Amino acid sequence: MVLATLALGVMALTACNGDGEKDSAAPSGASSPSAEGAGKGSAAPSTSAPSDGGKADGDSAGSGGSTPQASAPAADDGQDGGVGMCETTDLSYNVTVASKPVNHALLKATNKGGDSCLLPANELVITIPGLDGAAEHAGPEGKDWILKSGESAYAGILFSRADTEGGKTADKVEIALTASESPATVPINDGPVTVNDGQVTSFFGTAEDALTY
């Protein structure tokens, strides 16, 4: 009887130990929630903002593609200084018969305005009222230059050649700085003169130069 009781106790103890081993072995086969979560987290793509370096690269590319500012217009060669062209009405005129050379007169043109202007040196148009055509150009061409307020320029006018007879008597001339402008009518001081072959020089800075040709 005692032996049977002991045998039953041993069997019960063995069964309990077997269940304990099964219970203790089961958790080791399951994955840890924290480890699984960590694995999923490490596989997820990063959503962090671009670094400052990336932003700088973007700014650099943007500035490279921006439209450059319009540069200031290229400066002129410095001759006209940005002033406007002289117009016929900007100047006052005086025409006086010269003592020499013969059959010549001196034209003096003065800037009567308050501002400087660029004088066209080679486009002077001289005509005689009642005669067709304008005086031909004589002598070398000059350079346009800035005529300040109150300053004067000079040109020589040839009315007739010594070897040419006849002609028309004139006591006034018409003057325009360019062919596109309306002329100013100017009396000839110490006139009248006989006109049969009119010529005119470019503008010069002195009366002596103007009467050389």
N, C-alpha and C. Protein backbone atom coordinates (compact mmCIF):
# COMPACT_ATOMS: atom_id res chain seq x y z
N MET A 1 0.84 -1.19 0.00
CA MET A 1 0.00 0.00 0.00
C MET A 1 0.87 1.24 0.00
N VAL A 2 1.84 1.26 0.81
CA VAL A 2 2.80 2.37 0.90
C VAL A 2 3.53 2.53 -0.39
N LEU A 3 3.93 1.45 -1.00
CA LEU A 3 4.67 1.48 -2.27
C LEU A 3 3.80 2.05 -3.36
N ALA A 4 2.55 1.70 -3.37
CA ALA A 4 1.64 2.21 -4.40
C ALA A 4 1.46 3.69 -4.28
N THR A 5 1.41 4.15 -3.07
CA THR A 5 1.27 5.60 -2.82
C THR A 5 2.47 6.34 -3.30
N LEU A 6 3.70 5.82 -3.00
CA LEU A 6 4.93 6.47 -3.44
C LEU A 6 5.02 6.51 -4.95
N ALA A 7 4.62 5.45 -5.60
CA ALA A 7 4.68 5.39 -7.06
C ALA A 7 3.78 6.44 -7.68
N LEU A 8 2.62 6.63 -7.15
CA LEU A 8 1.71 7.64 -7.67
C LEU A 8 2.28 9.03 -7.49
N GLY A 9 2.98 9.27 -6.38
CA GLY A 9 3.59 10.59 -6.11
C GLY A 9 4.68 10.90 -7.08
N VAL A 10 5.51 9.86 -7.37
CA VAL A 10 6.63 10.08 -8.33
C VAL A 10 6.07 10.42 -9.68
N MET A 11 5.03 9.73 -10.14
CA MET A 11 4.43 9.97 -11.44
C MET A 11 3.85 11.38 -11.52
N ALA A 12 3.20 11.81 -10.46
CA ALA A 12 2.63 13.17 -10.45
C ALA A 12 3.69 14.21 -10.52
N LEU A 13 4.80 14.01 -9.83
CA LEU A 13 5.91 14.98 -9.83
C LEU A 13 6.53 15.06 -11.20
N THR A 14 6.68 13.90 -11.85
CA THR A 14 7.27 13.87 -13.19
C THR A 14 6.41 14.61 -14.18
N ALA A 15 5.12 14.46 -14.08
CA ALA A 15 4.19 15.15 -14.99
C ALA A 15 4.25 16.65 -14.81
N CYS A 16 4.37 17.09 -13.54
CA CYS A 16 4.45 18.53 -13.28
C CYS A 16 5.72 19.13 -13.87
N ASN A 17 6.84 18.38 -13.69
CA ASN A 17 8.11 18.88 -14.23
C ASN A 17 8.05 19.00 -15.75
N GLY A 18 7.38 18.06 -16.41
CA GLY A 18 7.27 18.11 -17.88
C GLY A 18 6.49 19.32 -18.34
N ASP A 19 5.40 19.60 -17.64
CA ASP A 19 4.60 20.79 -18.02
C ASP A 19 5.38 22.07 -17.80
N GLY A 20 6.20 22.09 -16.72
CA GLY A 20 7.00 23.30 -16.42
C GLY A 20 8.02 23.56 -17.51
N GLU A 21 8.63 22.44 -17.99
CA GLU A 21 9.65 22.62 -19.04
C GLU A 21 9.02 23.14 -20.31
N LYS A 22 7.79 22.65 -20.65
CA LYS A 22 7.10 23.14 -21.83
C LYS A 22 6.78 24.61 -21.69
N ASP A 23 6.31 24.96 -20.47
CA ASP A 23 5.95 26.39 -20.26
C ASP A 23 7.16 27.30 -20.35
N SER A 24 8.29 26.87 -19.81
CA SER A 24 9.48 27.71 -19.82
C SER A 24 10.09 27.79 -21.21
N ALA A 25 9.89 26.77 -22.05
CA ALA A 25 10.47 26.78 -23.39
C ALA A 25 9.66 27.60 -24.36
N ALA A 26 8.35 27.78 -24.13
CA ALA A 26 7.47 28.46 -25.07
C ALA A 26 7.85 29.92 -25.27
N PRO A 27 8.13 30.71 -24.25
CA PRO A 27 8.45 32.15 -24.46
C PRO A 27 9.69 32.35 -25.28
N SER A 28 10.66 31.44 -25.21
CA SER A 28 11.90 31.63 -25.93
C SER A 28 11.69 31.57 -27.43
N GLY A 29 10.64 30.92 -27.91
CA GLY A 29 10.38 30.81 -29.35
C GLY A 29 9.65 32.01 -29.88
N ALA A 30 8.96 32.84 -29.10
CA ALA A 30 8.21 34.01 -29.55
C ALA A 30 9.12 35.20 -29.67
N SER A 31 8.86 36.04 -30.68
CA SER A 31 9.71 37.23 -30.84
C SER A 31 9.29 38.30 -29.87
N SER A 32 10.23 39.06 -29.45
CA SER A 32 9.97 40.13 -28.48
C SER A 32 9.29 41.29 -29.19
N PRO A 33 8.21 41.82 -28.62
CA PRO A 33 7.52 42.96 -29.25
C PRO A 33 8.45 44.14 -29.47
N SER A 34 9.32 44.40 -28.53
CA SER A 34 10.21 45.55 -28.66
C SER A 34 11.20 45.33 -29.79
N ALA A 35 11.69 44.12 -29.91
CA ALA A 35 12.66 43.82 -30.96
C ALA A 35 11.99 43.91 -32.32
N GLU A 36 10.74 43.44 -32.42
CA GLU A 36 10.03 43.48 -33.70
C GLU A 36 9.75 44.92 -34.11
N GLY A 37 9.35 45.69 -33.11
CA GLY A 37 9.09 47.10 -33.39
C GLY A 37 10.34 47.81 -33.83
N ALA A 38 11.48 47.44 -33.21
CA ALA A 38 12.74 48.08 -33.57
C ALA A 38 13.11 47.71 -34.98
N GLY A 39 12.85 46.47 -35.35
CA GLY A 39 13.18 46.04 -36.71
C GLY A 39 12.35 46.80 -37.73
N LYS A 40 11.07 46.96 -37.49
CA LYS A 40 10.22 47.70 -38.42
C LYS A 40 10.63 49.15 -38.47
N GLY A 41 10.99 49.71 -37.34
CA GLY A 41 11.37 51.13 -37.30
C GLY A 41 12.64 51.37 -38.10
N SER A 42 13.60 50.48 -38.02
CA SER A 42 14.86 50.68 -38.72
C SER A 42 14.68 50.54 -40.22
N ALA A 43 13.64 49.80 -40.67
CA ALA A 43 13.43 49.62 -42.10
C ALA A 43 12.67 50.78 -42.72
N ALA A 44 11.97 51.60 -41.91
CA ALA A 44 11.16 52.70 -42.43
C ALA A 44 12.06 53.79 -42.98
N PRO A 45 11.67 54.46 -44.10
CA PRO A 45 12.50 55.53 -44.67
C PRO A 45 12.56 56.74 -43.75
N SER A 46 13.65 57.46 -43.83
CA SER A 46 13.83 58.63 -42.98
C SER A 46 12.99 59.78 -43.51
N THR A 47 12.36 60.55 -42.64
CA THR A 47 11.54 61.70 -43.03
C THR A 47 12.13 63.00 -42.51
N SER A 48 13.40 62.99 -42.16
CA SER A 48 14.02 64.20 -41.62
C SER A 48 14.16 65.24 -42.71
N ALA A 49 14.15 66.56 -42.36
CA ALA A 49 14.26 67.65 -43.33
C ALA A 49 15.65 67.67 -43.94
N PRO A 50 15.81 68.24 -45.18
CA PRO A 50 17.14 68.31 -45.79
C PRO A 50 18.09 69.10 -44.91
N SER A 51 19.31 68.70 -44.97
CA SER A 51 20.31 69.40 -44.18
C SER A 51 20.54 70.77 -44.76
N ASP A 52 21.22 71.63 -44.01
CA ASP A 52 21.53 72.98 -44.49
C ASP A 52 22.35 72.92 -45.77
N GLY A 53 23.16 71.87 -45.87
CA GLY A 53 23.97 71.73 -47.08
C GLY A 53 23.10 71.55 -48.30
N GLY A 54 22.01 70.77 -48.16
CA GLY A 54 21.11 70.57 -49.28
C GLY A 54 20.40 71.85 -49.64
N LYS A 55 20.01 72.63 -48.63
CA LYS A 55 19.34 73.90 -48.87
C LYS A 55 20.25 74.86 -49.58
N ALA A 56 21.50 74.88 -49.16
CA ALA A 56 22.46 75.79 -49.79
C ALA A 56 22.64 75.45 -51.25
N ASP A 57 22.66 74.10 -51.53
CA ASP A 57 22.80 73.71 -52.93
C ASP A 57 21.63 74.20 -53.74
N GLY A 58 20.42 74.12 -53.16
CA GLY A 58 19.24 74.57 -53.87
C GLY A 58 19.30 76.05 -54.14
N ASP A 59 19.75 76.83 -53.14
CA ASP A 59 19.86 78.28 -53.33
C ASP A 59 20.86 78.60 -54.41
N SER A 60 21.95 77.86 -54.42
CA SER A 60 22.99 78.12 -55.42
C SER A 60 22.46 77.87 -56.81
N ALA A 61 21.70 76.78 -56.97
CA ALA A 61 21.16 76.47 -58.29
C ALA A 61 20.15 77.52 -58.70
N GLY A 62 19.35 77.98 -57.70
CA GLY A 62 18.35 78.99 -58.03
C GLY A 62 18.99 80.28 -58.46
N SER A 63 20.05 80.68 -57.76
CA SER A 63 20.68 81.94 -58.13
C SER A 63 21.35 81.84 -59.47
N GLY A 64 21.82 80.65 -59.81
CA GLY A 64 22.47 80.48 -61.11
C GLY A 64 21.48 80.62 -62.24
N GLY A 65 20.20 80.26 -61.99
CA GLY A 65 19.22 80.31 -63.05
C GLY A 65 18.45 81.62 -63.09
N SER A 66 18.70 82.52 -62.15
CA SER A 66 17.95 83.76 -62.11
C SER A 66 18.38 84.67 -63.25
N THR A 67 17.47 85.57 -63.65
CA THR A 67 17.77 86.49 -64.75
C THR A 67 18.70 87.58 -64.26
N PRO A 68 19.84 87.80 -64.92
CA PRO A 68 20.77 88.83 -64.46
C PRO A 68 20.16 90.20 -64.60
N GLN A 69 20.54 91.12 -63.73
CA GLN A 69 20.04 92.48 -63.81
C GLN A 69 20.55 93.14 -65.07
N ALA A 70 19.68 93.98 -65.67
CA ALA A 70 20.09 94.67 -66.89
C ALA A 70 21.20 95.63 -66.55
N SER A 71 22.27 95.53 -67.28
CA SER A 71 23.38 96.41 -67.03
C SER A 71 23.08 97.78 -67.59
N ALA A 72 23.71 98.77 -67.01
CA ALA A 72 23.52 100.12 -67.50
C ALA A 72 23.99 100.21 -68.93
N PRO A 73 23.33 101.03 -69.71
CA PRO A 73 23.79 101.17 -71.09
C PRO A 73 25.26 101.49 -71.16
N ALA A 74 25.91 100.95 -72.20
CA ALA A 74 27.33 101.22 -72.35
C ALA A 74 27.55 102.71 -72.55
N ALA A 75 28.61 103.25 -71.89
CA ALA A 75 28.90 104.67 -71.99
C ALA A 75 29.37 105.02 -73.39
N ASP A 76 29.08 106.25 -73.81
CA ASP A 76 29.56 106.72 -75.09
C ASP A 76 31.06 106.91 -75.03
N ASP A 77 31.63 107.29 -76.16
CA ASP A 77 33.07 107.45 -76.20
C ASP A 77 33.54 108.67 -75.44
N GLY A 78 32.60 109.41 -74.81
CA GLY A 78 32.98 110.55 -73.99
C GLY A 78 32.92 111.86 -74.74
N GLN A 79 32.66 111.79 -76.04
CA GLN A 79 32.67 113.01 -76.82
C GLN A 79 31.45 113.87 -76.53
N ASP A 80 30.27 113.23 -76.48
CA ASP A 80 29.07 114.04 -76.31
C ASP A 80 28.66 114.20 -74.86
N GLY A 81 29.22 113.37 -73.95
CA GLY A 81 28.91 113.53 -72.54
C GLY A 81 27.46 113.34 -72.19
N GLY A 82 26.66 112.74 -73.10
CA GLY A 82 25.26 112.51 -72.81
C GLY A 82 24.37 113.70 -73.12
N VAL A 83 24.88 114.81 -73.67
CA VAL A 83 24.05 115.97 -73.97
C VAL A 83 23.35 115.76 -75.30
N GLY A 84 22.30 116.55 -75.52
CA GLY A 84 21.54 116.43 -76.76
C GLY A 84 22.21 117.17 -77.91
N MET A 85 21.77 116.83 -79.11
CA MET A 85 22.29 117.50 -80.29
C MET A 85 21.80 118.94 -80.34
N CYS A 86 22.67 119.82 -80.85
CA CYS A 86 22.25 121.20 -81.07
C CYS A 86 21.23 121.24 -82.20
N GLU A 87 20.21 122.04 -82.05
CA GLU A 87 19.25 122.28 -83.11
C GLU A 87 19.42 123.70 -83.62
N THR A 88 18.94 123.95 -84.82
CA THR A 88 19.11 125.26 -85.43
C THR A 88 18.59 126.38 -84.52
N THR A 89 17.48 126.13 -83.85
CA THR A 89 16.88 127.16 -82.99
C THR A 89 17.64 127.36 -81.67
N ASP A 90 18.60 126.48 -81.37
CA ASP A 90 19.37 126.62 -80.12
C ASP A 90 20.46 127.68 -80.24
N LEU A 91 20.78 128.08 -81.47
CA LEU A 91 21.91 128.97 -81.70
C LEU A 91 21.46 130.31 -82.28
N SER A 92 22.26 131.33 -82.05
CA SER A 92 22.08 132.62 -82.73
C SER A 92 23.18 132.75 -83.77
N TYR A 93 22.93 133.50 -84.86
CA TYR A 93 23.86 133.53 -85.99
C TYR A 93 24.20 134.97 -86.37
N ASN A 94 25.45 135.10 -86.80
CA ASN A 94 25.92 136.39 -87.30
C ASN A 94 26.78 136.12 -88.52
N VAL A 95 26.43 136.77 -89.63
CA VAL A 95 27.19 136.60 -90.88
C VAL A 95 27.75 137.97 -91.27
N THR A 96 29.07 138.06 -91.41
CA THR A 96 29.74 139.32 -91.73
C THR A 96 30.71 139.11 -92.89
N VAL A 97 30.66 140.02 -93.87
CA VAL A 97 31.58 139.94 -95.01
C VAL A 97 33.00 140.11 -94.50
N ALA A 98 33.89 139.22 -94.93
CA ALA A 98 35.29 139.26 -94.49
C ALA A 98 36.11 140.17 -95.39
N SER A 99 37.10 140.84 -94.79
CA SER A 99 37.99 141.69 -95.58
C SER A 99 38.89 140.84 -96.47
N LYS A 100 39.22 139.66 -96.00
CA LYS A 100 39.96 138.69 -96.80
C LYS A 100 39.71 137.30 -96.20
N PRO A 101 39.76 136.30 -97.01
CA PRO A 101 39.89 136.35 -98.48
C PRO A 101 38.67 136.98 -99.14
N VAL A 102 38.84 137.39 -100.36
CA VAL A 102 37.77 138.10 -101.07
C VAL A 102 36.59 137.18 -101.32
N ASN A 103 35.44 137.80 -101.37
CA ASN A 103 34.19 137.09 -101.66
C ASN A 103 33.81 136.09 -100.57
N HIS A 104 34.36 136.26 -99.40
CA HIS A 104 34.05 135.38 -98.27
C HIS A 104 33.28 136.15 -97.19
N ALA A 105 32.59 135.37 -96.38
CA ALA A 105 31.95 135.91 -95.18
C ALA A 105 32.20 134.94 -94.03
N LEU A 106 32.15 135.46 -92.83
CA LEU A 106 32.36 134.63 -91.64
C LEU A 106 31.03 134.41 -90.95
N LEU A 107 30.71 133.16 -90.71
CA LEU A 107 29.51 132.80 -89.94
C LEU A 107 29.93 132.48 -88.51
N LYS A 108 29.30 133.17 -87.57
CA LYS A 108 29.52 132.90 -86.15
C LYS A 108 28.21 132.38 -85.56
N ALA A 109 28.27 131.19 -84.99
CA ALA A 109 27.10 130.57 -84.38
C ALA A 109 27.33 130.42 -82.88
N THR A 110 26.43 130.97 -82.08
CA THR A 110 26.61 131.00 -80.62
C THR A 110 25.47 130.26 -79.94
N ASN A 111 25.82 129.42 -78.97
CA ASN A 111 24.81 128.70 -78.19
C ASN A 111 24.12 129.69 -77.25
N LYS A 112 22.87 130.00 -77.56
CA LYS A 112 22.12 130.98 -76.78
C LYS A 112 21.30 130.34 -75.66
N GLY A 113 21.30 129.02 -75.60
CA GLY A 113 20.54 128.33 -74.57
C GLY A 113 21.30 128.24 -73.25
N GLY A 114 20.64 127.70 -72.26
CA GLY A 114 21.27 127.55 -70.96
C GLY A 114 22.01 126.24 -70.79
N ASP A 115 21.86 125.32 -71.75
CA ASP A 115 22.49 124.00 -71.66
C ASP A 115 23.48 123.79 -72.80
N SER A 116 24.45 122.93 -72.53
CA SER A 116 25.39 122.54 -73.58
C SER A 116 24.67 121.64 -74.58
N CYS A 117 25.18 121.61 -75.81
CA CYS A 117 24.62 120.72 -76.83
C CYS A 117 25.74 120.27 -77.76
N LEU A 118 25.49 119.17 -78.45
CA LEU A 118 26.50 118.61 -79.36
C LEU A 118 26.32 119.21 -80.74
N LEU A 119 27.32 119.94 -81.20
CA LEU A 119 27.24 120.64 -82.48
C LEU A 119 27.64 119.71 -83.62
N PRO A 120 26.75 119.50 -84.61
CA PRO A 120 27.12 118.72 -85.78
C PRO A 120 28.03 119.57 -86.69
N ALA A 121 29.27 119.18 -86.82
CA ALA A 121 30.26 120.04 -87.46
C ALA A 121 30.16 120.05 -88.98
N ASN A 122 29.67 118.98 -89.58
CA ASN A 122 29.80 118.83 -91.03
C ASN A 122 28.49 118.84 -91.81
N GLU A 123 27.40 119.17 -91.16
CA GLU A 123 26.09 119.09 -91.83
C GLU A 123 25.48 120.46 -92.09
N LEU A 124 26.25 121.51 -91.94
CA LEU A 124 25.75 122.87 -92.09
C LEU A 124 25.19 123.10 -93.50
N VAL A 125 24.00 123.67 -93.55
CA VAL A 125 23.33 123.94 -94.83
C VAL A 125 23.16 125.45 -94.99
N ILE A 126 23.76 126.00 -96.05
CA ILE A 126 23.64 127.43 -96.35
C ILE A 126 22.94 127.59 -97.70
N THR A 127 21.87 128.35 -97.73
CA THR A 127 21.17 128.64 -98.98
C THR A 127 20.95 130.15 -99.09
N ILE A 128 20.74 130.58 -100.33
CA ILE A 128 20.46 131.99 -100.60
C ILE A 128 19.01 132.10 -101.05
N PRO A 129 18.22 132.93 -100.36
CA PRO A 129 16.82 133.08 -100.79
C PRO A 129 16.73 133.45 -102.27
N GLY A 130 15.91 132.74 -103.00
CA GLY A 130 15.72 133.00 -104.42
C GLY A 130 16.64 132.20 -105.31
N LEU A 131 17.59 131.50 -104.75
CA LEU A 131 18.50 130.66 -105.54
C LEU A 131 18.26 129.19 -105.20
N ASP A 132 18.35 128.36 -106.20
CA ASP A 132 18.18 126.92 -105.98
C ASP A 132 19.48 126.30 -105.48
N GLY A 133 19.32 125.26 -104.66
CA GLY A 133 20.48 124.51 -104.20
C GLY A 133 21.16 125.14 -103.01
N ALA A 134 21.94 124.32 -102.33
CA ALA A 134 22.68 124.75 -101.15
C ALA A 134 24.16 124.86 -101.48
N ALA A 135 24.88 125.60 -100.65
CA ALA A 135 26.32 125.76 -100.85
C ALA A 135 27.02 124.42 -100.69
N GLU A 136 28.01 124.17 -101.54
CA GLU A 136 28.76 122.93 -101.46
C GLU A 136 29.76 122.99 -100.30
N HIS A 137 30.16 121.79 -99.83
CA HIS A 137 31.12 121.74 -98.73
C HIS A 137 32.53 122.01 -99.23
N ALA A 138 33.28 122.76 -98.46
CA ALA A 138 34.67 123.08 -98.81
C ALA A 138 35.57 122.82 -97.60
N GLY A 139 36.81 122.41 -97.87
CA GLY A 139 37.77 122.20 -96.79
C GLY A 139 37.59 120.86 -96.09
N PRO A 140 38.41 120.61 -95.08
CA PRO A 140 38.36 119.32 -94.37
C PRO A 140 37.14 119.22 -93.46
N GLU A 141 36.76 118.00 -93.18
CA GLU A 141 35.67 117.78 -92.23
C GLU A 141 36.19 117.89 -90.81
N GLY A 142 35.35 118.42 -89.94
CA GLY A 142 35.72 118.52 -88.53
C GLY A 142 35.05 117.43 -87.72
N LYS A 143 35.09 117.58 -86.42
CA LYS A 143 34.47 116.63 -85.50
C LYS A 143 33.38 117.33 -84.71
N ASP A 144 32.28 116.61 -84.50
CA ASP A 144 31.23 117.15 -83.64
C ASP A 144 31.82 117.43 -82.26
N TRP A 145 31.41 118.51 -81.64
CA TRP A 145 31.91 118.76 -80.29
C TRP A 145 30.86 119.47 -79.45
N ILE A 146 31.06 119.43 -78.15
CA ILE A 146 30.10 120.02 -77.22
C ILE A 146 30.26 121.53 -77.21
N LEU A 147 29.19 122.22 -77.52
CA LEU A 147 29.18 123.68 -77.50
C LEU A 147 28.45 124.12 -76.24
N LYS A 148 29.20 124.68 -75.31
CA LYS A 148 28.63 125.09 -74.04
C LYS A 148 27.81 126.37 -74.20
N SER A 149 27.01 126.63 -73.22
CA SER A 149 26.19 127.84 -73.25
C SER A 149 27.08 129.08 -73.38
N GLY A 150 26.80 129.93 -74.37
CA GLY A 150 27.57 131.14 -74.58
C GLY A 150 28.78 130.97 -75.48
N GLU A 151 29.17 129.74 -75.79
CA GLU A 151 30.31 129.51 -76.67
C GLU A 151 29.90 129.61 -78.14
N SER A 152 30.92 129.87 -78.99
CA SER A 152 30.66 130.06 -80.42
C SER A 152 31.48 129.12 -81.28
N ALA A 153 30.97 128.84 -82.46
CA ALA A 153 31.67 128.08 -83.50
C ALA A 153 31.64 128.93 -84.76
N TYR A 154 32.60 128.64 -85.68
CA TYR A 154 32.76 129.50 -86.86
C TYR A 154 32.82 128.66 -88.14
N ALA A 155 32.29 129.24 -89.21
CA ALA A 155 32.36 128.62 -90.53
C ALA A 155 32.59 129.71 -91.57
N GLY A 156 33.31 129.35 -92.63
CA GLY A 156 33.55 130.29 -93.71
C GLY A 156 32.59 130.05 -94.86
N ILE A 157 32.09 131.14 -95.44
CA ILE A 157 31.16 131.05 -96.57
C ILE A 157 31.80 131.74 -97.77
N LEU A 158 31.89 131.05 -98.88
CA LEU A 158 32.35 131.62 -100.14
C LEU A 158 31.14 131.87 -101.02
N PHE A 159 30.95 133.12 -101.42
CA PHE A 159 29.78 133.47 -102.22
C PHE A 159 30.04 133.36 -103.72
N SER A 160 31.25 133.70 -104.17
CA SER A 160 31.53 133.64 -105.61
C SER A 160 33.03 133.49 -105.82
N ARG A 161 33.36 132.90 -106.94
CA ARG A 161 34.77 132.75 -107.32
C ARG A 161 35.21 134.00 -108.09
N ALA A 162 36.49 134.31 -107.91
CA ALA A 162 37.01 135.51 -108.57
C ALA A 162 36.99 135.39 -110.08
N ASP A 163 37.07 134.16 -110.58
CA ASP A 163 37.13 133.97 -112.03
C ASP A 163 35.75 133.73 -112.65
N THR A 164 34.71 133.92 -111.87
CA THR A 164 33.36 133.69 -112.37
C THR A 164 32.61 135.02 -112.40
N GLU A 165 32.06 135.38 -113.56
CA GLU A 165 31.33 136.62 -113.70
C GLU A 165 29.84 136.43 -113.46
N GLY A 166 29.21 137.54 -113.13
CA GLY A 166 27.76 137.51 -112.95
C GLY A 166 27.36 136.92 -111.62
N GLY A 167 26.10 136.78 -111.42
CA GLY A 167 25.56 136.21 -110.20
C GLY A 167 24.37 137.00 -109.69
N LYS A 168 23.91 136.61 -108.55
CA LYS A 168 22.74 137.24 -107.94
C LYS A 168 23.18 138.03 -106.71
N THR A 169 22.62 139.19 -106.56
CA THR A 169 22.91 140.00 -105.39
C THR A 169 22.05 139.52 -104.22
N ALA A 170 22.71 139.35 -103.04
CA ALA A 170 21.98 138.86 -101.86
C ALA A 170 22.40 139.64 -100.63
N ASP A 171 21.45 139.88 -99.76
CA ASP A 171 21.75 140.56 -98.50
C ASP A 171 21.37 139.72 -97.28
N LYS A 172 21.04 138.47 -97.52
CA LYS A 172 20.71 137.54 -96.43
C LYS A 172 20.98 136.11 -96.85
N VAL A 173 21.16 135.25 -95.86
CA VAL A 173 21.35 133.82 -96.11
C VAL A 173 20.41 133.04 -95.20
N GLU A 174 20.18 131.81 -95.57
CA GLU A 174 19.39 130.90 -94.74
C GLU A 174 20.32 129.83 -94.19
N ILE A 175 20.22 129.57 -92.89
CA ILE A 175 21.16 128.68 -92.20
C ILE A 175 20.39 127.59 -91.45
N ALA A 176 20.81 126.36 -91.64
CA ALA A 176 20.28 125.22 -90.87
C ALA A 176 21.45 124.32 -90.49
N LEU A 177 21.41 123.78 -89.30
CA LEU A 177 22.50 122.91 -88.85
C LEU A 177 22.47 121.56 -89.56
N THR A 178 21.28 121.12 -89.96
CA THR A 178 21.14 119.87 -90.71
C THR A 178 20.09 120.08 -91.79
N ALA A 179 20.10 119.21 -92.78
CA ALA A 179 19.16 119.33 -93.90
C ALA A 179 17.72 119.05 -93.49
N SER A 180 17.52 118.38 -92.36
CA SER A 180 16.16 118.02 -91.93
C SER A 180 15.47 119.12 -91.15
N GLU A 181 16.17 120.23 -90.88
CA GLU A 181 15.60 121.31 -90.07
C GLU A 181 15.22 122.51 -90.92
N SER A 182 14.28 123.27 -90.40
CA SER A 182 13.91 124.52 -91.06
C SER A 182 15.00 125.55 -90.82
N PRO A 183 15.36 126.32 -91.85
CA PRO A 183 16.47 127.26 -91.70
C PRO A 183 16.07 128.56 -91.00
N ALA A 184 17.08 129.22 -90.47
CA ALA A 184 16.92 130.57 -89.91
C ALA A 184 17.44 131.56 -90.95
N THR A 185 16.72 132.65 -91.16
CA THR A 185 17.13 133.67 -92.13
C THR A 185 17.96 134.73 -91.40
N VAL A 186 19.18 134.95 -91.91
CA VAL A 186 20.13 135.84 -91.23
C VAL A 186 20.62 136.91 -92.21
N PRO A 187 20.61 138.19 -91.83
CA PRO A 187 21.12 139.24 -92.71
C PRO A 187 22.64 139.17 -92.83
N ILE A 188 23.17 139.65 -93.97
CA ILE A 188 24.61 139.67 -94.19
C ILE A 188 25.13 141.05 -93.82
N ASN A 189 25.89 141.12 -92.75
CA ASN A 189 26.48 142.40 -92.34
C ASN A 189 27.52 142.85 -93.37
N ASP A 190 27.52 144.13 -93.68
CA ASP A 190 28.42 144.73 -94.68
C ASP A 190 28.10 144.24 -96.08
N GLY A 191 26.91 143.71 -96.29
CA GLY A 191 26.49 143.29 -97.61
C GLY A 191 25.88 144.46 -98.38
N PRO A 192 25.32 144.22 -99.56
CA PRO A 192 25.06 142.89 -100.12
C PRO A 192 26.30 142.28 -100.77
N VAL A 193 26.13 141.02 -101.19
CA VAL A 193 27.20 140.29 -101.85
C VAL A 193 26.68 139.73 -103.17
N THR A 194 27.59 139.38 -104.03
CA THR A 194 27.22 138.73 -105.29
C THR A 194 27.46 137.23 -105.14
N VAL A 195 26.45 136.47 -105.43
CA VAL A 195 26.51 135.02 -105.24
C VAL A 195 26.43 134.33 -106.60
N ASN A 196 27.42 133.51 -106.92
CA ASN A 196 27.35 132.70 -108.15
C ASN A 196 27.91 131.29 -107.96
N ASP A 197 28.57 131.06 -106.83
CA ASP A 197 29.14 129.71 -106.62
C ASP A 197 29.35 129.52 -105.12
N GLY A 198 28.29 129.26 -104.40
CA GLY A 198 28.38 129.20 -102.95
C GLY A 198 29.06 127.94 -102.42
N GLN A 199 29.92 128.15 -101.42
CA GLN A 199 30.56 127.04 -100.69
C GLN A 199 30.59 127.39 -99.20
N VAL A 200 30.65 126.37 -98.37
CA VAL A 200 30.70 126.58 -96.92
C VAL A 200 31.60 125.53 -96.29
N THR A 201 32.32 125.93 -95.26
CA THR A 201 33.20 124.99 -94.55
C THR A 201 32.44 124.29 -93.43
N SER A 202 33.12 123.35 -92.77
CA SER A 202 32.62 122.78 -91.53
C SER A 202 32.77 123.82 -90.43
N PHE A 203 32.23 123.52 -89.26
CA PHE A 203 32.41 124.41 -88.11
C PHE A 203 33.80 124.22 -87.52
N PHE A 204 34.42 125.32 -87.12
CA PHE A 204 35.72 125.30 -86.46
C PHE A 204 35.64 126.09 -85.17
N GLY A 205 36.69 125.94 -84.37
CA GLY A 205 36.71 126.63 -83.07
C GLY A 205 37.16 128.07 -83.14
N THR A 206 37.79 128.49 -84.24
CA THR A 206 38.27 129.87 -84.38
C THR A 206 37.88 130.42 -85.73
N ALA A 207 37.80 131.76 -85.82
CA ALA A 207 37.48 132.43 -87.07
C ALA A 207 38.61 132.25 -88.08
N GLU A 208 39.83 132.26 -87.59
CA GLU A 208 40.98 132.10 -88.48
C GLU A 208 40.93 130.78 -89.23
N ASP A 209 40.60 129.70 -88.52
CA ASP A 209 40.52 128.40 -89.17
C ASP A 209 39.38 128.36 -90.19
N ALA A 210 38.27 128.98 -89.83
CA ALA A 210 37.11 128.95 -90.72
C ALA A 210 37.37 129.68 -92.03
N LEU A 211 38.20 130.74 -92.02
CA LEU A 211 38.46 131.53 -93.22
C LEU A 211 39.71 131.05 -93.97
N THR A 212 40.25 129.93 -93.57
CA THR A 212 41.45 129.40 -94.25
C THR A 212 41.08 128.74 -95.56
N TYR A 213 39.85 128.28 -95.71
CA TYR A 213 39.49 127.49 -96.89
C TYR A 213 38.50 128.23 -97.77
